[in-house]
N, C-alpha and C. Protein backbone atom coordinates (compact mmCIF):
# COMPACT_ATOMS: atom_id res chain seq x y z
N MET A 1 -6.59 14.32 -25.03
CA MET A 1 -6.65 15.43 -24.09
C MET A 1 -5.85 16.60 -24.67
N SER A 2 -6.43 17.78 -24.65
CA SER A 2 -5.76 18.95 -25.23
C SER A 2 -4.83 19.59 -24.21
N THR A 3 -3.84 20.31 -24.76
CA THR A 3 -2.88 21.02 -23.90
C THR A 3 -3.57 22.21 -23.26
N PRO A 4 -3.37 22.41 -21.98
CA PRO A 4 -3.98 23.58 -21.33
C PRO A 4 -3.53 24.88 -21.99
N GLN A 5 -4.42 25.83 -22.07
CA GLN A 5 -4.17 27.12 -22.73
C GLN A 5 -2.94 27.84 -22.18
N PRO A 6 -2.74 27.93 -20.86
CA PRO A 6 -1.56 28.65 -20.37
C PRO A 6 -0.24 28.04 -20.87
N GLU A 7 -0.19 26.71 -21.00
CA GLU A 7 1.01 26.05 -21.49
C GLU A 7 1.29 26.45 -22.93
N ARG A 8 0.25 26.47 -23.76
CA ARG A 8 0.41 26.88 -25.16
C ARG A 8 0.86 28.34 -25.25
N SER A 9 0.27 29.18 -24.43
CA SER A 9 0.65 30.60 -24.44
C SER A 9 2.10 30.78 -24.04
N ARG A 10 2.53 30.00 -23.03
CA ARG A 10 3.91 30.12 -22.58
C ARG A 10 4.86 29.67 -23.71
N ARG A 11 4.50 28.59 -24.42
CA ARG A 11 5.33 28.13 -25.53
C ARG A 11 5.39 29.19 -26.62
N ARG A 12 4.24 29.78 -26.94
CA ARG A 12 4.24 30.83 -27.96
C ARG A 12 5.09 32.01 -27.53
N ALA A 13 5.00 32.40 -26.27
CA ALA A 13 5.80 33.52 -25.77
C ALA A 13 7.28 33.17 -25.81
N ASP A 14 7.64 31.93 -25.45
CA ASP A 14 9.04 31.51 -25.52
C ASP A 14 9.54 31.52 -26.96
N ALA A 15 8.72 31.03 -27.88
CA ALA A 15 9.11 31.02 -29.29
C ALA A 15 9.28 32.45 -29.81
N GLN A 16 8.40 33.36 -29.41
CA GLN A 16 8.51 34.74 -29.86
C GLN A 16 9.77 35.40 -29.29
N ARG A 17 10.10 35.08 -28.03
CA ARG A 17 11.33 35.62 -27.45
C ARG A 17 12.55 35.13 -28.23
N SER A 18 12.53 33.87 -28.64
CA SER A 18 13.64 33.32 -29.43
C SER A 18 13.75 34.03 -30.77
N VAL A 19 12.61 34.22 -31.43
CA VAL A 19 12.61 34.92 -32.72
C VAL A 19 13.14 36.34 -32.54
N ASP A 20 12.64 37.05 -31.53
CA ASP A 20 13.08 38.42 -31.28
C ASP A 20 14.58 38.48 -31.00
N ALA A 21 15.08 37.54 -30.20
CA ALA A 21 16.50 37.50 -29.88
C ALA A 21 17.33 37.22 -31.13
N LEU A 22 16.86 36.32 -31.98
CA LEU A 22 17.58 36.00 -33.21
C LEU A 22 17.60 37.19 -34.18
N VAL A 23 16.48 37.87 -34.31
CA VAL A 23 16.43 39.02 -35.21
C VAL A 23 17.35 40.12 -34.70
N GLU A 24 17.32 40.39 -33.41
CA GLU A 24 18.19 41.43 -32.86
C GLU A 24 19.66 41.04 -32.99
N ALA A 25 19.99 39.80 -32.68
CA ALA A 25 21.37 39.34 -32.82
C ALA A 25 21.82 39.41 -34.28
N ALA A 26 20.95 39.01 -35.19
CA ALA A 26 21.30 39.06 -36.62
C ALA A 26 21.51 40.49 -37.07
N ARG A 27 20.68 41.40 -36.60
CA ARG A 27 20.84 42.82 -36.95
C ARG A 27 22.23 43.31 -36.55
N GLU A 28 22.63 42.99 -35.33
CA GLU A 28 23.94 43.41 -34.83
C GLU A 28 25.08 42.75 -35.61
N VAL A 29 24.96 41.45 -35.82
CA VAL A 29 26.02 40.71 -36.52
C VAL A 29 26.11 41.16 -37.98
N PHE A 30 24.96 41.41 -38.61
CA PHE A 30 24.99 41.89 -40.00
C PHE A 30 25.71 43.23 -40.10
N LEU A 31 25.51 44.11 -39.11
CA LEU A 31 26.20 45.40 -39.12
C LEU A 31 27.71 45.22 -39.00
N GLU A 32 28.11 44.25 -38.18
CA GLU A 32 29.53 44.02 -37.93
C GLU A 32 30.21 43.22 -39.04
N ALA A 33 29.54 42.15 -39.49
CA ALA A 33 30.20 41.18 -40.36
C ALA A 33 29.50 40.94 -41.70
N GLY A 34 28.37 41.59 -41.93
CA GLY A 34 27.65 41.39 -43.18
C GLY A 34 26.64 40.25 -43.09
N VAL A 35 25.80 40.14 -44.11
CA VAL A 35 24.71 39.17 -44.08
C VAL A 35 25.18 37.73 -44.28
N ASP A 36 26.43 37.55 -44.62
CA ASP A 36 26.96 36.19 -44.79
C ASP A 36 27.66 35.68 -43.53
N ALA A 37 27.48 36.39 -42.42
CA ALA A 37 28.09 35.96 -41.16
C ALA A 37 27.61 34.56 -40.80
N PRO A 38 28.45 33.80 -40.11
CA PRO A 38 28.08 32.43 -39.74
C PRO A 38 26.83 32.37 -38.85
N VAL A 39 25.99 31.41 -39.16
CA VAL A 39 24.76 31.19 -38.40
C VAL A 39 25.10 30.93 -36.93
N ARG A 40 26.16 30.20 -36.69
CA ARG A 40 26.58 29.88 -35.32
C ARG A 40 26.84 31.17 -34.51
N GLN A 41 27.40 32.18 -35.15
CA GLN A 41 27.67 33.46 -34.49
C GLN A 41 26.36 34.15 -34.10
N ILE A 42 25.39 34.12 -34.99
CA ILE A 42 24.09 34.74 -34.72
C ILE A 42 23.37 34.01 -33.60
N ALA A 43 23.32 32.68 -33.70
CA ALA A 43 22.65 31.88 -32.68
C ALA A 43 23.32 32.07 -31.32
N GLY A 44 24.65 32.09 -31.30
CA GLY A 44 25.38 32.29 -30.05
C GLY A 44 25.07 33.63 -29.42
N ARG A 45 25.03 34.66 -30.23
CA ARG A 45 24.73 35.99 -29.69
C ARG A 45 23.30 36.04 -29.17
N ALA A 46 22.39 35.32 -29.81
CA ALA A 46 20.99 35.31 -29.38
C ALA A 46 20.77 34.41 -28.16
N GLY A 47 21.75 33.57 -27.86
CA GLY A 47 21.62 32.67 -26.72
C GLY A 47 20.72 31.48 -27.00
N VAL A 48 20.67 31.05 -28.27
CA VAL A 48 19.86 29.88 -28.63
C VAL A 48 20.74 28.89 -29.39
N GLY A 49 20.27 27.66 -29.46
CA GLY A 49 20.99 26.63 -30.19
C GLY A 49 20.70 26.69 -31.68
N LEU A 50 21.49 25.95 -32.45
CA LEU A 50 21.30 25.92 -33.90
C LEU A 50 19.95 25.32 -34.29
N ALA A 51 19.48 24.34 -33.52
CA ALA A 51 18.17 23.75 -33.83
C ALA A 51 17.07 24.80 -33.72
N THR A 52 17.14 25.63 -32.69
CA THR A 52 16.16 26.70 -32.53
C THR A 52 16.27 27.70 -33.67
N PHE A 53 17.51 28.04 -34.04
CA PHE A 53 17.72 28.95 -35.16
C PHE A 53 17.02 28.42 -36.41
N TYR A 54 17.32 27.18 -36.78
CA TYR A 54 16.77 26.63 -38.03
C TYR A 54 15.27 26.34 -37.95
N ARG A 55 14.75 26.14 -36.76
CA ARG A 55 13.30 25.96 -36.62
C ARG A 55 12.57 27.24 -37.01
N HIS A 56 13.14 28.38 -36.64
CA HIS A 56 12.50 29.66 -36.94
C HIS A 56 12.91 30.23 -38.29
N PHE A 57 14.14 29.94 -38.72
CA PHE A 57 14.66 30.51 -39.97
C PHE A 57 15.36 29.40 -40.78
N PRO A 58 14.56 28.58 -41.46
CA PRO A 58 15.16 27.46 -42.20
C PRO A 58 16.13 27.90 -43.30
N GLU A 59 15.93 29.07 -43.87
CA GLU A 59 16.81 29.61 -44.91
C GLU A 59 17.38 30.95 -44.44
N ARG A 60 18.60 31.25 -44.85
CA ARG A 60 19.20 32.55 -44.50
C ARG A 60 18.32 33.69 -44.98
N SER A 61 17.72 33.53 -46.14
CA SER A 61 16.85 34.59 -46.67
C SER A 61 15.68 34.88 -45.74
N ASP A 62 15.21 33.87 -45.00
CA ASP A 62 14.13 34.09 -44.03
C ASP A 62 14.59 35.06 -42.94
N LEU A 63 15.81 34.87 -42.49
CA LEU A 63 16.35 35.73 -41.44
C LEU A 63 16.62 37.14 -41.98
N VAL A 64 17.21 37.24 -43.16
CA VAL A 64 17.49 38.54 -43.75
C VAL A 64 16.18 39.31 -43.92
N SER A 65 15.15 38.64 -44.41
CA SER A 65 13.84 39.28 -44.58
C SER A 65 13.28 39.74 -43.24
N ALA A 66 13.40 38.91 -42.22
CA ALA A 66 12.89 39.27 -40.89
C ALA A 66 13.62 40.49 -40.33
N VAL A 67 14.93 40.53 -40.50
CA VAL A 67 15.71 41.67 -40.01
C VAL A 67 15.31 42.93 -40.77
N PHE A 68 15.19 42.82 -42.07
CA PHE A 68 14.81 43.98 -42.88
C PHE A 68 13.43 44.50 -42.47
N ARG A 69 12.45 43.61 -42.34
CA ARG A 69 11.10 44.03 -41.94
C ARG A 69 11.10 44.67 -40.55
N HIS A 70 11.86 44.10 -39.64
CA HIS A 70 11.95 44.64 -38.28
C HIS A 70 12.50 46.06 -38.32
N GLU A 71 13.54 46.28 -39.09
CA GLU A 71 14.16 47.60 -39.19
C GLU A 71 13.23 48.59 -39.89
N VAL A 72 12.54 48.15 -40.92
CA VAL A 72 11.58 49.00 -41.62
C VAL A 72 10.48 49.44 -40.65
N ASP A 73 9.95 48.47 -39.89
CA ASP A 73 8.88 48.78 -38.95
C ASP A 73 9.33 49.79 -37.89
N ALA A 74 10.53 49.59 -37.35
CA ALA A 74 11.02 50.50 -36.32
C ALA A 74 11.18 51.92 -36.86
N CYS A 75 11.70 52.03 -38.06
CA CYS A 75 11.90 53.35 -38.66
C CYS A 75 10.55 54.00 -38.99
N ALA A 76 9.66 53.25 -39.61
CA ALA A 76 8.35 53.79 -39.98
C ALA A 76 7.55 54.21 -38.75
N ASP A 77 7.59 53.40 -37.70
CA ASP A 77 6.83 53.72 -36.48
C ASP A 77 7.33 54.98 -35.80
N GLU A 78 8.59 55.31 -36.02
CA GLU A 78 9.15 56.50 -35.39
C GLU A 78 8.51 57.78 -35.94
N ALA A 79 7.97 57.73 -37.15
CA ALA A 79 7.32 58.92 -37.73
C ALA A 79 6.17 59.39 -36.84
N ALA A 80 5.33 58.48 -36.42
CA ALA A 80 4.19 58.85 -35.57
C ALA A 80 4.66 59.38 -34.21
N ALA A 81 5.69 58.76 -33.66
CA ALA A 81 6.21 59.22 -32.38
C ALA A 81 6.77 60.64 -32.49
N LEU A 82 7.48 60.91 -33.57
CA LEU A 82 8.02 62.26 -33.77
C LEU A 82 6.90 63.27 -34.01
N ALA A 83 5.90 62.87 -34.79
CA ALA A 83 4.77 63.77 -35.06
C ALA A 83 4.04 64.15 -33.78
N ALA A 84 4.01 63.25 -32.82
CA ALA A 84 3.31 63.50 -31.56
C ALA A 84 4.10 64.39 -30.60
N THR A 85 5.42 64.48 -30.80
CA THR A 85 6.24 65.18 -29.82
C THR A 85 7.00 66.39 -30.36
N GLN A 86 7.00 66.59 -31.67
CA GLN A 86 7.79 67.66 -32.27
C GLN A 86 6.90 68.57 -33.12
N GLU A 87 7.40 69.76 -33.38
CA GLU A 87 6.74 70.64 -34.34
C GLU A 87 6.83 69.98 -35.72
N PRO A 88 5.90 70.29 -36.64
CA PRO A 88 5.84 69.55 -37.91
C PRO A 88 7.14 69.51 -38.71
N PHE A 89 7.81 70.65 -38.90
CA PHE A 89 9.04 70.61 -39.70
C PHE A 89 10.13 69.83 -38.98
N GLU A 90 10.24 70.02 -37.67
CA GLU A 90 11.26 69.31 -36.90
C GLU A 90 11.02 67.80 -36.94
N ALA A 91 9.75 67.39 -36.85
CA ALA A 91 9.42 65.96 -36.94
C ALA A 91 9.83 65.41 -38.30
N LEU A 92 9.52 66.16 -39.35
CA LEU A 92 9.88 65.74 -40.71
C LEU A 92 11.40 65.63 -40.86
N ALA A 93 12.11 66.66 -40.44
CA ALA A 93 13.57 66.66 -40.58
C ALA A 93 14.20 65.53 -39.78
N ARG A 94 13.76 65.33 -38.56
CA ARG A 94 14.33 64.25 -37.74
C ARG A 94 14.05 62.88 -38.34
N TRP A 95 12.83 62.70 -38.86
CA TRP A 95 12.52 61.40 -39.43
C TRP A 95 13.33 61.16 -40.70
N LEU A 96 13.51 62.18 -41.53
CA LEU A 96 14.31 61.99 -42.74
C LEU A 96 15.76 61.66 -42.38
N HIS A 97 16.27 62.22 -41.31
CA HIS A 97 17.62 61.85 -40.87
C HIS A 97 17.63 60.43 -40.30
N ARG A 98 16.57 60.05 -39.64
CA ARG A 98 16.45 58.65 -39.15
C ARG A 98 16.41 57.70 -40.33
N PHE A 99 15.65 58.06 -41.36
CA PHE A 99 15.57 57.24 -42.57
C PHE A 99 16.94 57.18 -43.26
N THR A 100 17.66 58.28 -43.26
CA THR A 100 19.01 58.31 -43.82
C THR A 100 19.90 57.29 -43.12
N GLY A 101 19.82 57.26 -41.80
CA GLY A 101 20.58 56.26 -41.04
C GLY A 101 20.15 54.85 -41.38
N PHE A 102 18.86 54.64 -41.54
CA PHE A 102 18.34 53.33 -41.92
C PHE A 102 18.95 52.89 -43.24
N VAL A 103 18.88 53.76 -44.25
CA VAL A 103 19.39 53.40 -45.58
C VAL A 103 20.90 53.18 -45.51
N GLY A 104 21.60 54.03 -44.78
CA GLY A 104 23.04 53.90 -44.68
C GLY A 104 23.50 52.61 -44.04
N THR A 105 22.76 52.14 -43.04
CA THR A 105 23.15 50.90 -42.37
C THR A 105 22.66 49.67 -43.11
N LYS A 106 21.84 49.85 -44.11
CA LYS A 106 21.32 48.70 -44.86
C LYS A 106 22.08 48.44 -46.15
N ARG A 107 23.22 49.08 -46.32
CA ARG A 107 23.99 48.84 -47.55
C ARG A 107 24.33 47.37 -47.71
N GLY A 108 24.69 46.69 -46.63
CA GLY A 108 25.00 45.27 -46.71
C GLY A 108 23.79 44.44 -47.07
N LEU A 109 22.64 44.82 -46.54
CA LEU A 109 21.42 44.10 -46.87
C LEU A 109 21.00 44.37 -48.30
N SER A 110 21.35 45.53 -48.82
CA SER A 110 20.95 45.90 -50.16
C SER A 110 21.43 44.89 -51.20
N ALA A 111 22.68 44.45 -51.08
CA ALA A 111 23.21 43.47 -52.03
C ALA A 111 22.41 42.18 -51.96
N ALA A 112 22.07 41.75 -50.74
CA ALA A 112 21.28 40.53 -50.60
C ALA A 112 19.89 40.72 -51.20
N LEU A 113 19.29 41.88 -50.96
CA LEU A 113 17.94 42.13 -51.44
C LEU A 113 17.88 42.19 -52.96
N HIS A 114 18.99 42.55 -53.60
CA HIS A 114 19.03 42.63 -55.07
C HIS A 114 19.73 41.42 -55.69
N SER A 115 19.79 40.33 -54.95
CA SER A 115 20.50 39.13 -55.40
C SER A 115 19.70 38.28 -56.38
N GLY A 116 18.43 38.60 -56.56
CA GLY A 116 17.59 37.78 -57.43
C GLY A 116 16.89 36.65 -56.69
N ASN A 117 17.14 36.53 -55.39
CA ASN A 117 16.49 35.50 -54.58
C ASN A 117 14.99 35.82 -54.50
N PRO A 118 14.13 34.90 -54.92
CA PRO A 118 12.69 35.17 -54.90
C PRO A 118 12.12 35.47 -53.52
N ALA A 119 12.82 35.05 -52.48
CA ALA A 119 12.34 35.31 -51.11
C ALA A 119 12.31 36.81 -50.82
N PHE A 120 13.12 37.59 -51.55
CA PHE A 120 13.21 39.03 -51.29
C PHE A 120 12.28 39.85 -52.17
N GLU A 121 11.61 39.24 -53.11
CA GLU A 121 10.76 40.00 -54.04
C GLU A 121 9.68 40.84 -53.37
N PRO A 122 9.05 40.38 -52.28
CA PRO A 122 8.01 41.22 -51.64
C PRO A 122 8.54 42.40 -50.84
N LEU A 123 9.83 42.45 -50.57
CA LEU A 123 10.35 43.47 -49.67
C LEU A 123 10.26 44.90 -50.20
N PRO A 124 10.53 45.18 -51.47
CA PRO A 124 10.36 46.57 -51.92
C PRO A 124 8.93 47.09 -51.73
N ALA A 125 7.94 46.23 -51.97
CA ALA A 125 6.55 46.64 -51.75
C ALA A 125 6.30 46.90 -50.26
N TYR A 126 6.91 46.10 -49.40
CA TYR A 126 6.76 46.29 -47.97
C TYR A 126 7.39 47.62 -47.56
N PHE A 127 8.55 47.91 -48.10
CA PHE A 127 9.25 49.17 -47.88
C PHE A 127 8.31 50.33 -48.20
N GLN A 128 7.72 50.31 -49.37
CA GLN A 128 6.83 51.39 -49.80
C GLN A 128 5.57 51.45 -48.93
N GLN A 129 5.00 50.29 -48.63
CA GLN A 129 3.77 50.21 -47.83
C GLN A 129 3.94 50.82 -46.44
N ARG A 130 5.12 50.66 -45.85
CA ARG A 130 5.35 51.18 -44.51
C ARG A 130 5.86 52.63 -44.50
N PHE A 131 6.78 52.96 -45.44
CA PHE A 131 7.41 54.27 -45.40
C PHE A 131 6.60 55.37 -46.05
N GLU A 132 5.91 55.07 -47.13
CA GLU A 132 5.19 56.13 -47.83
C GLU A 132 4.12 56.79 -46.96
N PRO A 133 3.25 56.02 -46.28
CA PRO A 133 2.25 56.69 -45.42
C PRO A 133 2.88 57.43 -44.24
N ALA A 134 3.96 56.88 -43.70
CA ALA A 134 4.63 57.55 -42.57
C ALA A 134 5.15 58.91 -43.00
N LEU A 135 5.81 58.96 -44.16
CA LEU A 135 6.34 60.22 -44.65
C LEU A 135 5.23 61.15 -45.10
N ARG A 136 4.17 60.60 -45.70
CA ARG A 136 3.05 61.44 -46.14
C ARG A 136 2.46 62.21 -44.95
N GLN A 137 2.28 61.53 -43.84
CA GLN A 137 1.73 62.18 -42.64
C GLN A 137 2.61 63.36 -42.22
N LEU A 138 3.91 63.16 -42.21
CA LEU A 138 4.84 64.21 -41.80
C LEU A 138 4.85 65.37 -42.80
N LEU A 139 4.86 65.05 -44.09
CA LEU A 139 4.87 66.09 -45.12
C LEU A 139 3.58 66.92 -45.08
N GLU A 140 2.45 66.25 -44.94
CA GLU A 140 1.17 66.97 -44.91
C GLU A 140 1.08 67.90 -43.70
N ALA A 141 1.56 67.44 -42.56
CA ALA A 141 1.53 68.28 -41.36
C ALA A 141 2.45 69.50 -41.54
N ALA A 142 3.62 69.29 -42.09
CA ALA A 142 4.56 70.40 -42.30
C ALA A 142 4.03 71.36 -43.36
N ALA A 143 3.39 70.83 -44.42
CA ALA A 143 2.81 71.70 -45.45
C ALA A 143 1.64 72.50 -44.88
N ALA A 144 0.80 71.86 -44.07
CA ALA A 144 -0.34 72.55 -43.46
C ALA A 144 0.13 73.67 -42.52
N ALA A 145 1.29 73.49 -41.92
CA ALA A 145 1.86 74.52 -41.04
C ALA A 145 2.60 75.59 -41.84
N GLY A 146 2.65 75.42 -43.17
CA GLY A 146 3.32 76.39 -44.02
C GLY A 146 4.84 76.31 -43.97
N GLU A 147 5.36 75.18 -43.53
CA GLU A 147 6.80 75.04 -43.35
C GLU A 147 7.51 74.37 -44.51
N VAL A 148 6.78 73.63 -45.35
CA VAL A 148 7.37 73.02 -46.54
C VAL A 148 6.42 73.19 -47.71
N ARG A 149 6.96 73.06 -48.89
CA ARG A 149 6.13 73.19 -50.09
C ARG A 149 5.10 72.05 -50.11
N PRO A 150 3.92 72.31 -50.63
CA PRO A 150 2.84 71.33 -50.54
C PRO A 150 2.86 70.26 -51.65
N ASP A 151 3.76 70.36 -52.61
CA ASP A 151 3.70 69.47 -53.77
C ASP A 151 4.73 68.34 -53.76
N VAL A 152 5.27 68.01 -52.61
CA VAL A 152 6.30 66.98 -52.53
C VAL A 152 5.63 65.62 -52.39
N ALA A 153 5.94 64.73 -53.31
CA ALA A 153 5.41 63.36 -53.25
C ALA A 153 6.28 62.53 -52.31
N PRO A 154 5.69 61.85 -51.34
CA PRO A 154 6.48 61.08 -50.38
C PRO A 154 7.42 60.08 -51.06
N LEU A 155 6.92 59.39 -52.06
CA LEU A 155 7.74 58.38 -52.72
C LEU A 155 8.95 59.01 -53.41
N ASP A 156 8.76 60.18 -54.02
CA ASP A 156 9.89 60.88 -54.65
C ASP A 156 10.96 61.23 -53.61
N LEU A 157 10.52 61.70 -52.46
CA LEU A 157 11.46 62.08 -51.42
C LEU A 157 12.18 60.85 -50.85
N LEU A 158 11.47 59.75 -50.69
CA LEU A 158 12.10 58.51 -50.23
C LEU A 158 13.17 58.06 -51.21
N TYR A 159 12.84 58.10 -52.50
CA TYR A 159 13.82 57.70 -53.52
C TYR A 159 15.01 58.64 -53.54
N ALA A 160 14.77 59.93 -53.39
CA ALA A 160 15.87 60.90 -53.40
C ALA A 160 16.85 60.62 -52.26
N VAL A 161 16.32 60.42 -51.06
CA VAL A 161 17.19 60.14 -49.91
C VAL A 161 17.91 58.81 -50.12
N SER A 162 17.20 57.82 -50.60
CA SER A 162 17.82 56.51 -50.84
C SER A 162 18.96 56.61 -51.85
N ARG A 163 18.75 57.36 -52.89
CA ARG A 163 19.80 57.50 -53.91
C ARG A 163 21.00 58.27 -53.38
N ILE A 164 20.75 59.27 -52.56
CA ILE A 164 21.87 59.98 -51.94
C ILE A 164 22.70 59.01 -51.11
N CYS A 165 22.01 58.20 -50.34
CA CYS A 165 22.69 57.33 -49.38
C CYS A 165 23.32 56.09 -50.01
N THR A 166 22.91 55.70 -51.19
CA THR A 166 23.50 54.52 -51.81
C THR A 166 24.59 54.89 -52.80
N GLY A 167 24.79 56.18 -53.01
CA GLY A 167 25.78 56.61 -53.98
C GLY A 167 27.21 56.60 -53.47
N GLY A 168 27.41 56.67 -52.16
CA GLY A 168 28.76 56.75 -51.63
C GLY A 168 28.91 55.89 -50.39
N VAL A 169 30.03 56.08 -49.72
CA VAL A 169 30.29 55.31 -48.52
C VAL A 169 30.54 56.20 -47.30
N ASP A 170 30.39 57.49 -47.47
CA ASP A 170 30.65 58.45 -46.40
C ASP A 170 29.32 58.87 -45.78
N ARG A 171 29.00 58.30 -44.63
CA ARG A 171 27.71 58.60 -44.00
C ARG A 171 27.61 60.05 -43.56
N THR A 172 28.73 60.66 -43.21
CA THR A 172 28.71 62.08 -42.83
C THR A 172 28.31 62.93 -44.03
N ALA A 173 28.86 62.62 -45.19
CA ALA A 173 28.49 63.35 -46.41
C ALA A 173 27.03 63.10 -46.75
N ASP A 174 26.55 61.88 -46.57
CA ASP A 174 25.14 61.58 -46.80
C ASP A 174 24.25 62.46 -45.94
N GLU A 175 24.60 62.57 -44.66
CA GLU A 175 23.82 63.40 -43.74
C GLU A 175 23.80 64.86 -44.19
N ARG A 176 24.95 65.38 -44.63
CA ARG A 176 25.01 66.77 -45.08
C ARG A 176 24.14 66.97 -46.33
N MET A 177 24.20 66.03 -47.26
CA MET A 177 23.39 66.17 -48.48
C MET A 177 21.90 66.07 -48.19
N VAL A 178 21.53 65.19 -47.28
CA VAL A 178 20.12 65.08 -46.91
C VAL A 178 19.68 66.35 -46.18
N ALA A 179 20.54 66.94 -45.38
CA ALA A 179 20.20 68.22 -44.72
C ALA A 179 19.93 69.30 -45.75
N LEU A 180 20.71 69.34 -46.83
CA LEU A 180 20.45 70.29 -47.90
C LEU A 180 19.10 70.01 -48.57
N LEU A 181 18.82 68.75 -48.79
CA LEU A 181 17.54 68.37 -49.39
C LEU A 181 16.38 68.79 -48.49
N VAL A 182 16.52 68.56 -47.20
CA VAL A 182 15.46 68.93 -46.24
C VAL A 182 15.27 70.44 -46.26
N ASP A 183 16.35 71.20 -46.26
CA ASP A 183 16.23 72.66 -46.33
C ASP A 183 15.52 73.08 -47.61
N GLY A 184 15.79 72.38 -48.71
CA GLY A 184 15.15 72.69 -49.98
C GLY A 184 13.65 72.48 -49.98
N LEU A 185 13.14 71.67 -49.06
CA LEU A 185 11.69 71.45 -48.97
C LEU A 185 10.97 72.73 -48.55
N ARG A 186 11.69 73.65 -47.94
CA ARG A 186 11.08 74.91 -47.51
C ARG A 186 10.82 75.85 -48.67
N TYR A 187 11.56 75.67 -49.78
CA TYR A 187 11.37 76.54 -50.94
C TYR A 187 9.95 76.39 -51.48
N GLY A 188 9.24 77.48 -51.58
CA GLY A 188 7.86 77.45 -52.08
C GLY A 188 6.82 77.16 -51.01
N ALA A 189 7.25 77.14 -49.74
CA ALA A 189 6.29 76.91 -48.65
C ALA A 189 5.29 78.05 -48.61
N GLN A 190 4.08 77.77 -48.19
CA GLN A 190 2.97 78.73 -48.15
C GLN A 190 2.89 79.39 -46.78
N ARG A 191 3.95 80.03 -46.33
CA ARG A 191 4.03 80.54 -44.96
C ARG A 191 2.98 81.57 -44.58
N ASP A 192 2.81 82.58 -45.33
CA ASP A 192 1.93 83.69 -44.90
C ASP A 192 0.64 83.75 -45.69
N HIS A 193 0.13 82.61 -46.05
CA HIS A 193 -1.10 82.63 -46.85
C HIS A 193 -2.27 82.25 -46.02
């Protein structure tokens, strides 16, 4: 006899809530204590037991990858939301500052991602797959409005912001440098053509 469909759906929903709670708890704990924080601390904050933790994330790298993907998705998805509610240049500038915050808070994850662990090898491609189209949409809209130069490659701009943010430890200075970079995008804009 098969399990009734509503029971299976409820189990799937419960499992997804556990995964979501673990990813959110891990994100918070990683910010506070780094990616090597005790599993017990993450599970406790998520309100689940260790068995549930290990059922969903058998290896720490599984959890680190899940947190990274979750954060990438949230940041990338914000581009469309900003494009729908802001003028093109303002949407671009706000998203680049949001991306700056993303990179700045991921310094702890960066060491894990560059650890040589094969579990992390797909993540740079995921980063590019999600961020490049999001930024391209914003750049094209701002260029079409004559607010930024039309020859900026999204990937170049992503790398520039990333390099600014990984060079130091002062997030305020990072924000100021990215603001200068954003202002520089206006140089060569096709405003009155």
